[in-house]
Amino acid sequence: QLQLVESGGGLVQPGGSLRLSCAASRSIFSLNRMGWYRQAPGKGASGEWVAIITNDGSSDYADSVKGRFTISRDNAKNMVYLQMNSLKTEDAAHYYCNARQGAVDYWGQGTQVTVSA
């Protein structure tokens, strides 16, 4: 079993920055892919993928965050990060960390990001 715990959310003004962290309960070295997803209020049950990073370090981003967000992983610390710059009001959401191993997905409880003046 794998537990994921997110942190780093909070209130930030438009144009500001936040760094989200995801701590895994065991080694992430062998995990195929880790990523961040978000769910905004009023957007229904479906969330939006934000960024993913594979175990070889390749990353990909949703068009809406490309150039502003950066995903990274530290296998030695079992951590994944999401650096969010130039935040917009539309980035406000509950952000979830995800890990995939084979056909199994693991999720954390999420951390709230509020972007407001």
C-alpha atoms as a PDB file:
ATOM      1  CA  GLN A   1       0.000   0.000   0.000  1.00  0.00           C
ATOM      2  CA  LEU A   2       1.125   3.544  -0.670  1.00  0.00           C
ATOM      3  CA  GLN A   3      -0.012   6.664   1.151  1.00  0.00           C
ATOM      4  CA  LEU A   4       0.365  10.112  -0.315  1.00  0.00           C
ATOM      5  CA  VAL A   5       0.175  13.283   1.751  1.00  0.00           C
ATOM      6  CA  GLU A   6      -0.025  16.677   0.085  1.00  0.00           C
ATOM      7  CA  SER A   7       0.937  19.991   1.637  1.00  0.00           C
ATOM      8  CA  GLY A   8       1.725  23.535   0.639  1.00  0.00           C
ATOM      9  CA  GLY A   9      -1.674  24.820  -0.382  1.00  0.00           C
ATOM     10  CA  GLY A  10      -3.049  28.112   0.822  1.00  0.00           C
ATOM     11  CA  LEU A  11      -4.274  31.534  -0.158  1.00  0.00           C
ATOM     12  CA  VAL A  12      -2.283  33.508  -2.678  1.00  0.00           C
ATOM     13  CA  GLN A  13      -2.928  36.611  -4.730  1.00  0.00           C
ATOM     14  CA  PRO A  14      -3.130  36.454  -8.521  1.00  0.00           C
ATOM     15  CA  GLY A  15       0.387  36.485  -9.926  1.00  0.00           C
ATOM     16  CA  GLY A  16       1.784  34.824  -6.825  1.00  0.00           C
ATOM     17  CA  SER A  17       3.494  31.489  -6.333  1.00  0.00           C
ATOM     18  CA  LEU A  18       3.020  28.344  -4.290  1.00  0.00           C
ATOM     19  CA  ARG A  19       4.929  25.116  -4.025  1.00  0.00           C
ATOM     20  CA  LEU A  20       2.948  21.967  -3.397  1.00  0.00           C
ATOM     21  CA  SER A  21       4.601  18.914  -1.920  1.00  0.00           C
ATOM     22  CA  CYS A  22       3.562  15.277  -1.992  1.00  0.00           C
ATOM     23  CA  ALA A  23       5.150  12.902   0.491  1.00  0.00           C
ATOM     24  CA  ALA A  24       4.970   9.188  -0.265  1.00  0.00           C
ATOM     25  CA  SER A  25       4.994   6.559   2.465  1.00  0.00           C
ATOM     26  CA  ARG A  26       7.510   4.408   0.613  1.00  0.00           C
ATOM     27  CA  SER A  27       9.952   4.530  -2.241  1.00  0.00           C
ATOM     28  CA  ILE A  28       8.691   6.149  -5.414  1.00  0.00           C
ATOM     29  CA  PHE A  29      11.636   4.990  -7.471  1.00  0.00           C
ATOM     30  CA  SER A  30       9.727   2.179  -9.146  1.00  0.00           C
ATOM     31  CA  LEU A  31       6.497   4.062  -9.702  1.00  0.00           C
ATOM     32  CA  ASN A  32       5.689   4.452 -13.366  1.00  0.00           C
ATOM     33  CA  ARG A  33       4.254   7.894 -13.071  1.00  0.00           C
ATOM     34  CA  MET A  34       3.394  10.520 -10.528  1.00  0.00           C
ATOM     35  CA  GLY A  35       1.346  13.597 -11.070  1.00  0.00           C
ATOM     36  CA  TRP A  36      -0.916  16.334  -9.884  1.00  0.00           C
ATOM     37  CA  TYR A  37      -4.588  16.720 -10.597  1.00  0.00           C
ATOM     38  CA  ARG A  38      -7.051  19.356  -9.498  1.00  0.00           C
ATOM     39  CA  GLN A  39     -10.737  19.733  -8.951  1.00  0.00           C
ATOM     40  CA  ALA A  40     -12.289  23.150  -8.872  1.00  0.00           C
ATOM     41  CA  PRO A  41     -15.559  23.956  -7.101  1.00  0.00           C
ATOM     42  CA  GLY A  42     -18.576  23.863  -9.355  1.00  0.00           C
ATOM     43  CA  LYS A  43     -16.768  21.804 -11.972  1.00  0.00           C
ATOM     44  CA  GLY A  44     -18.535  18.559 -11.141  1.00  0.00           C
ATOM     45  CA  ALA A  45     -17.008  15.253 -10.162  1.00  0.00           C
ATOM     46  CA  SER A  46     -14.379  15.162 -12.883  1.00  0.00           C
ATOM     47  CA  GLY A  47     -11.032  16.675 -12.203  1.00  0.00           C
ATOM     48  CA  GLU A  48      -8.354  18.020 -14.465  1.00  0.00           C
ATOM     49  CA  TRP A  49      -4.900  16.641 -14.813  1.00  0.00           C
ATOM     50  CA  VAL A  50      -2.264  19.280 -14.274  1.00  0.00           C
ATOM     51  CA  ALA A  51       1.163  17.693 -14.620  1.00  0.00           C
ATOM     52  CA  ILE A  52       2.782  14.283 -14.696  1.00  0.00           C
ATOM     53  CA  ILE A  53       6.327  13.031 -14.334  1.00  0.00           C
ATOM     54  CA  THR A  54       7.547   9.563 -15.199  1.00  0.00           C
ATOM     55  CA  ASN A  55      10.191   7.533 -13.442  1.00  0.00           C
ATOM     56  CA  ASP A  56      12.749   8.559 -16.065  1.00  0.00           C
ATOM     57  CA  GLY A  57      12.063  12.207 -15.331  1.00  0.00           C
ATOM     58  CA  SER A  58       9.987  13.033 -18.397  1.00  0.00           C
ATOM     59  CA  SER A  59       7.200  15.489 -17.692  1.00  0.00           C
ATOM     60  CA  ASP A  60       4.102  16.806 -19.348  1.00  0.00           C
ATOM     61  CA  TYR A  61       1.686  19.583 -18.543  1.00  0.00           C
ATOM     62  CA  ALA A  62      -1.852  20.627 -19.264  1.00  0.00           C
ATOM     63  CA  ASP A  63      -1.951  23.493 -21.734  1.00  0.00           C
ATOM     64  CA  SER A  64      -3.561  25.678 -19.092  1.00  0.00           C
ATOM     65  CA  VAL A  65      -0.469  25.546 -16.856  1.00  0.00           C
ATOM     66  CA  LYS A  66       2.340  25.074 -19.352  1.00  0.00           C
ATOM     67  CA  GLY A  67       5.102  27.589 -18.784  1.00  0.00           C
ATOM     68  CA  ARG A  68       3.841  28.467 -15.304  1.00  0.00           C
ATOM     69  CA  PHE A  69       3.961  25.194 -13.367  1.00  0.00           C
ATOM     70  CA  THR A  70       6.886  22.829 -12.908  1.00  0.00           C
ATOM     71  CA  ILE A  71       6.672  19.280 -11.602  1.00  0.00           C
ATOM     72  CA  SER A  72       9.680  17.580 -10.072  1.00  0.00           C
ATOM     73  CA  ARG A  73      10.453  14.494  -8.043  1.00  0.00           C
ATOM     74  CA  ASP A  74      13.089  13.603  -5.496  1.00  0.00           C
ATOM     75  CA  ASN A  75      13.336   9.825  -5.409  1.00  0.00           C
ATOM     76  CA  ALA A  76      15.750   9.894  -2.478  1.00  0.00           C
ATOM     77  CA  LYS A  77      13.194  11.728  -0.323  1.00  0.00           C
ATOM     78  CA  ASN A  78      10.104  10.046  -1.798  1.00  0.00           C
ATOM     79  CA  MET A  79       8.742  13.455  -2.690  1.00  0.00           C
ATOM     80  CA  VAL A  80       7.026  15.059  -5.655  1.00  0.00           C
ATOM     81  CA  TYR A  81       6.634  18.797  -5.995  1.00  0.00           C
ATOM     82  CA  LEU A  82       4.579  21.208  -8.027  1.00  0.00           C
ATOM     83  CA  GLN A  83       5.979  24.706  -8.314  1.00  0.00           C
ATOM     84  CA  MET A  84       3.195  27.045  -9.354  1.00  0.00           C
ATOM     85  CA  ASN A  85       4.072  30.521 -10.576  1.00  0.00           C
ATOM     86  CA  SER A  86       1.992  33.333 -12.037  1.00  0.00           C
ATOM     87  CA  LEU A  87      -1.108  31.902 -10.431  1.00  0.00           C
ATOM     88  CA  LYS A  88      -4.471  32.859 -11.859  1.00  0.00           C
ATOM     89  CA  THR A  89      -7.892  32.844 -10.260  1.00  0.00           C
ATOM     90  CA  GLU A  90      -8.795  29.904 -12.471  1.00  0.00           C
ATOM     91  CA  ASP A  91      -6.013  27.857 -10.837  1.00  0.00           C
ATOM     92  CA  ALA A  92      -7.975  27.802  -7.594  1.00  0.00           C
ATOM     93  CA  ALA A  93      -8.865  24.193  -6.843  1.00  0.00           C
ATOM     94  CA  HIS A  94      -8.234  21.228  -4.619  1.00  0.00           C
ATOM     95  CA  TYR A  95      -4.983  19.702  -5.785  1.00  0.00           C
ATOM     96  CA  TYR A  96      -4.367  15.982  -5.525  1.00  0.00           C
ATOM     97  CA  CYS A  97      -1.190  13.977  -5.810  1.00  0.00           C
ATOM     98  CA  ASN A  98      -1.408  10.786  -7.823  1.00  0.00           C
ATOM     99  CA  ALA A  99       0.904   7.821  -8.177  1.00  0.00           C
ATOM    100  CA  ARG A 100       0.543   5.038 -10.696  1.00  0.00           C
ATOM    101  CA  GLN A 101       2.117   1.640 -10.477  1.00  0.00           C
ATOM    102  CA  GLY A 102       1.034  -0.693 -13.216  1.00  0.00           C
ATOM    103  CA  ALA A 103      -2.734  -0.491 -13.374  1.00  0.00           C
ATOM    104  CA  VAL A 104      -3.121   0.801  -9.833  1.00  0.00           C
ATOM    105  CA  ASP A 105      -3.663   4.459  -8.966  1.00  0.00           C
ATOM    106  CA  TYR A 106      -3.029   5.943  -5.554  1.00  0.00           C
ATOM    107  CA  TRP A 107      -4.386   9.289  -4.390  1.00  0.00           C
ATOM    108  CA  GLY A 108      -3.767  11.641  -1.531  1.00  0.00           C
ATOM    109  CA  GLN A 109      -6.389  13.675   0.305  1.00  0.00           C
ATOM    110  CA  GLY A 110      -5.402  16.840  -1.486  1.00  0.00           C
ATOM    111  CA  THR A 111      -4.521  20.377  -0.562  1.00  0.00           C
ATOM    112  CA  GLN A 112      -6.573  23.481  -1.243  1.00  0.00           C
ATOM    113  CA  VAL A 113      -5.248  26.323  -3.360  1.00  0.00           C
ATOM    114  CA  THR A 114      -7.143  29.597  -3.282  1.00  0.00           C
ATOM    115  CA  VAL A 115      -6.200  32.413  -5.634  1.00  0.00           C
ATOM    116  CA  SER A 116      -7.863  35.656  -4.744  1.00  0.00           C
ATOM    117  CA  ALA A 117      -7.083  39.307  -4.373  1.00  0.00           C
END
